[in-house]
Protein backbone atom coordinates (compact mmCIF):
# COMPACT_ATOMS: atom_id res chain seq x y z
CA MET A 1 77.03 81.59 84.36
CA GLY A 2 77.01 78.61 82.02
CA LYS A 3 76.39 78.76 78.29
CA LEU A 4 72.91 77.26 78.62
CA GLN A 5 71.85 79.81 81.23
CA GLU A 6 73.31 82.60 79.11
CA ASN A 7 71.32 81.44 76.05
CA LYS A 8 68.11 81.28 78.08
CA LEU A 9 68.69 84.78 79.37
CA LYS A 10 69.34 86.08 75.85
CA LYS A 11 66.12 84.53 74.50
CA ARG A 12 64.04 85.96 77.34
CA GLN A 13 65.64 89.36 76.80
CA ALA A 14 64.98 89.16 73.05
CA LEU A 15 61.32 88.45 73.73
CA LEU A 16 61.06 91.38 76.16
CA ASP A 17 62.82 93.73 73.75
CA ALA A 18 60.62 92.66 70.85
CA ALA A 19 57.44 93.05 72.88
CA TYR A 20 58.50 96.50 74.07
CA GLU A 21 59.27 97.67 70.53
CA LEU A 22 56.00 96.33 69.15
CA PHE A 23 53.90 97.69 72.02
CA MET A 24 55.44 101.12 71.42
CA GLU A 25 54.96 100.92 67.64
CA GLN A 26 51.44 99.53 67.38
CA GLY A 27 50.08 99.21 70.90
CA ALA A 28 49.65 96.14 73.04
CA GLY A 29 46.16 95.44 71.70
CA LYS A 30 47.36 95.14 68.12
CA THR A 31 50.47 93.12 68.97
CA SER A 32 50.16 89.35 68.83
CA ILE A 33 52.39 86.68 70.28
CA ASP A 34 53.21 85.72 66.69
CA ASN A 35 54.45 89.29 66.09
CA ILE A 36 56.61 89.11 69.21
CA VAL A 37 58.25 85.77 68.39
CA THR A 38 58.86 86.82 64.79
CA ARG A 39 60.56 90.03 65.91
CA ALA A 40 62.56 88.17 68.59
CA ARG A 41 63.49 85.42 66.09
CA VAL A 42 62.53 82.59 68.40
CA ALA A 43 60.03 79.73 68.11
CA LYS A 44 56.55 80.25 69.48
CA GLY A 45 57.11 77.44 71.98
CA THR A 46 60.04 79.40 73.38
CA PHE A 47 57.67 82.24 74.25
CA TYR A 48 55.61 79.88 76.38
CA LEU A 49 58.69 78.64 78.24
CA TYR A 50 59.06 82.13 79.68
CA PHE A 51 55.58 83.67 79.64
CA ALA A 52 52.08 82.25 80.04
CA ASP A 53 50.49 84.80 77.70
CA LYS A 54 50.72 88.35 76.39
CA ASP A 55 49.60 89.77 79.73
CA ALA A 56 52.50 88.02 81.45
CA ILE A 57 55.08 89.57 79.14
CA ALA A 58 53.41 92.96 79.59
CA GLN A 59 53.71 92.55 83.37
CA ALA A 60 57.37 91.62 83.00
CA LEU A 61 57.94 94.76 80.94
CA ILE A 62 56.19 96.91 83.54
CA TRP A 63 58.41 95.36 86.21
CA ARG A 64 61.56 95.95 84.13
CA ILE A 65 60.67 99.57 83.44
CA SER A 66 59.64 100.35 87.01
CA GLU A 67 62.79 98.67 88.32
CA GLY A 68 64.83 101.06 86.18
CA LEU A 69 63.06 104.05 87.70
CA PHE A 70 63.99 103.07 91.23
């Protein structure tokens, strides 16, 4: 895997981790995209490179969690 691909993967992972933490702390309804990008330490535009909206990142988290169960 090249350096560029590795960086992309790290940013996506940081967004997922931040969203998970915030959803667990304050609930999905009270978590904003601004909260997620601040916690992940990425630009807001970076969020939209990987996810269309907050529902899309929530779906990705559900997939990641369910994948770990099976």
